[in-house]
Amino acid sequence: MKVVVQRSKKSSVTVDNKVVGEINQGLVLLVGFTFNDNEAIIDKMIKKIVNLRIFDDEAGVMNKSILDTKGSILSISQFTLYANTKKGNRPSYIEALPGGEAVKLYDLFNQKLKNFVPVQTGIFGAEMEVLITNDGPITICLEEI
């Protein structure tokens, strides 16, 4: 499982010219799954994400988590996180979990994440336009093996 975490001031996702998810202050998560990912890995990843201290405290130090700031999350499925570009110029996605299996883990991830913070999502497998106002910019890549 790979997750790109971006601190955001305001972000949205649009499908077929309709906004299907949007947040103000919080995190945008680009989420990808690979073979052998499971519920235990999802649980560890969620614990890491909700406790990441990447929001400023009163002194301007990144010392607060999304739980502290009461922010929201915009979660976007992103199989291209598993792009392999070692050979040639056309990425291979053989390390990405096939859609039928990945959607189950993605839905489970978002369902469990909602136990901690408000979550908005895109539409799995859809052609999406994602607008991210990255705050900082703060971008952190997480990977669980």
Protein backbone atom coordinates (compact mmCIF):
# COMPACT_ATOMS: atom_id res chain seq x y z
CA MET A 1 0.00 0.00 0.00
CA LYS A 2 1.25 3.43 -0.92
CA VAL A 3 -0.25 6.74 0.15
CA VAL A 4 0.87 10.21 -0.87
CA VAL A 5 -0.23 12.63 1.86
CA GLN A 6 -0.58 16.32 1.01
CA ARG A 7 -1.52 18.99 3.50
CA SER A 8 -4.25 21.03 1.85
CA LYS A 9 -6.01 24.34 2.33
CA LYS A 10 -8.82 23.45 -0.07
CA SER A 11 -9.21 20.59 -2.56
CA SER A 12 -11.85 18.97 -4.72
CA VAL A 13 -12.44 16.13 -7.15
CA THR A 14 -14.67 16.39 -10.21
CA VAL A 15 -16.12 13.59 -12.35
CA ASP A 16 -18.08 14.38 -15.54
CA ASN A 17 -18.06 18.10 -14.67
CA LYS A 18 -19.67 17.44 -11.27
CA VAL A 19 -17.86 17.96 -7.95
CA VAL A 20 -18.13 14.63 -6.13
CA GLY A 21 -15.90 15.45 -3.15
CA GLU A 22 -14.34 18.53 -1.59
CA ILE A 23 -12.66 19.61 1.62
CA ASN A 24 -11.34 22.75 3.21
CA GLN A 25 -8.38 22.42 5.59
CA GLY A 26 -7.08 18.88 5.87
CA LEU A 27 -5.29 16.21 3.89
CA VAL A 28 -5.48 14.89 0.36
CA LEU A 29 -4.57 11.22 0.13
CA LEU A 30 -3.58 9.54 -3.13
CA VAL A 31 -4.03 5.84 -2.35
CA GLY A 32 -2.73 2.77 -4.20
CA PHE A 33 -2.76 -0.94 -3.45
CA THR A 34 -0.57 -3.85 -4.45
CA PHE A 35 -0.59 -7.61 -3.98
CA ASN A 36 -0.55 -8.88 -0.38
CA ASP A 37 -2.12 -5.68 0.99
CA ASN A 38 -4.69 -6.48 3.64
CA GLU A 39 -6.77 -5.11 6.52
CA ALA A 40 -3.83 -5.17 8.96
CA ILE A 41 -1.77 -2.98 6.61
CA ILE A 42 -4.73 -0.64 6.17
CA ASP A 43 -5.08 -0.30 9.95
CA LYS A 44 -1.38 0.56 10.34
CA MET A 45 -1.54 3.09 7.52
CA ILE A 46 -4.60 4.80 8.98
CA LYS A 47 -2.95 5.04 12.39
CA LYS A 48 0.10 6.64 10.79
CA ILE A 49 -1.95 9.10 8.70
CA VAL A 50 -4.26 10.38 11.44
CA ASN A 51 -1.36 10.82 13.86
CA LEU A 52 1.11 12.50 11.46
CA ARG A 53 2.09 15.78 13.09
CA ILE A 54 2.23 17.95 9.98
CA PHE A 55 -0.03 20.86 10.97
CA ASP A 56 1.33 23.97 12.65
CA ASP A 57 0.81 24.65 16.33
CA GLU A 58 0.49 28.14 17.81
CA ALA A 59 4.27 28.63 17.52
CA GLY A 60 4.30 27.72 13.82
CA VAL A 61 5.90 24.32 14.44
CA MET A 62 4.49 21.24 12.71
CA ASN A 63 3.31 19.61 15.90
CA LYS A 64 -0.41 18.88 15.35
CA SER A 65 -2.20 15.99 13.64
CA ILE A 66 -5.40 16.09 11.62
CA LEU A 67 -7.12 14.82 14.77
CA ASP A 68 -5.92 17.93 16.62
CA THR A 69 -7.00 20.34 13.87
CA LYS A 70 -10.36 18.64 13.25
CA GLY A 71 -9.64 18.71 9.50
CA SER A 72 -11.06 16.54 6.73
CA ILE A 73 -9.60 14.11 4.23
CA LEU A 74 -10.08 13.87 0.48
CA SER A 75 -9.17 10.31 -0.52
CA ILE A 76 -8.41 9.55 -4.19
CA SER A 77 -7.72 6.08 -5.61
CA GLN A 78 -4.43 6.16 -7.53
CA PHE A 79 -3.18 2.91 -9.09
CA THR A 80 -0.44 4.85 -10.89
CA LEU A 81 1.48 5.04 -7.61
CA TYR A 82 2.66 1.56 -8.58
CA ALA A 83 4.03 2.65 -11.97
CA ASN A 84 7.30 0.92 -12.83
CA THR A 85 9.47 2.97 -15.18
CA LYS A 86 12.72 1.00 -14.96
CA LYS A 87 12.48 -0.19 -18.57
CA GLY A 88 11.59 2.13 -21.41
CA ASN A 89 9.37 5.18 -21.27
CA ARG A 90 5.96 3.58 -20.95
CA PRO A 91 5.11 2.81 -17.31
CA SER A 92 4.13 -0.72 -16.36
CA TYR A 93 1.40 -1.15 -13.77
CA ILE A 94 1.78 -4.88 -13.09
CA GLU A 95 2.54 -4.17 -9.43
CA ALA A 96 -0.82 -2.41 -8.96
CA LEU A 97 -3.63 -4.54 -7.59
CA PRO A 98 -6.35 -5.17 -10.24
CA GLY A 99 -9.38 -2.90 -9.90
CA GLY A 100 -11.84 -5.55 -8.72
CA GLU A 101 -9.63 -6.36 -5.73
CA ALA A 102 -8.31 -2.85 -5.14
CA VAL A 103 -11.79 -1.29 -4.86
CA LYS A 104 -12.60 -3.58 -1.92
CA LEU A 105 -9.47 -2.47 -0.04
CA TYR A 106 -10.02 1.18 -0.99
CA ASP A 107 -13.60 1.09 0.30
CA LEU A 108 -12.44 -0.60 3.53
CA PHE A 109 -9.69 2.00 3.95
CA ASN A 110 -12.15 4.90 3.59
CA GLN A 111 -14.76 3.25 5.83
CA LYS A 112 -12.22 2.76 8.61
CA LEU A 113 -10.74 6.24 8.13
CA LYS A 114 -14.23 7.74 8.69
CA ASN A 115 -14.04 6.45 12.27
CA PHE A 116 -11.44 9.18 12.91
CA VAL A 117 -12.15 12.12 10.57
CA PRO A 118 -14.65 13.28 7.94
CA VAL A 119 -13.74 11.74 4.56
CA GLN A 120 -14.69 12.72 1.03
CA THR A 121 -13.71 10.57 -1.97
CA GLY A 122 -13.52 10.51 -5.69
CA ILE A 123 -15.09 7.67 -7.69
CA PHE A 124 -12.98 4.55 -7.98
CA GLY A 125 -11.92 3.88 -11.57
CA ALA A 126 -13.41 7.12 -12.92
CA GLU A 127 -11.57 9.73 -14.94
CA MET A 128 -11.16 12.41 -12.27
CA GLU A 129 -9.98 15.99 -12.15
CA VAL A 130 -8.36 16.66 -8.79
CA LEU A 131 -7.66 20.21 -7.67
CA ILE A 132 -5.27 20.41 -4.73
CA THR A 133 -4.19 23.56 -2.95
CA ASN A 134 -1.11 22.11 -1.27
CA ASP A 135 -0.41 23.96 1.98
CA GLY A 136 3.28 24.44 2.73
CA PRO A 137 3.84 22.64 0.41
CA ILE A 138 3.81 19.57 2.60
CA THR A 139 3.89 16.23 0.76
CA ILE A 140 4.80 12.93 2.42
CA CYS A 141 5.01 9.50 0.79
CA LEU A 142 4.04 6.52 2.93
CA GLU A 143 4.58 2.91 1.98
CA GLU A 144 3.62 -0.19 3.92
CA ILE A 145 5.07 -3.53 2.93
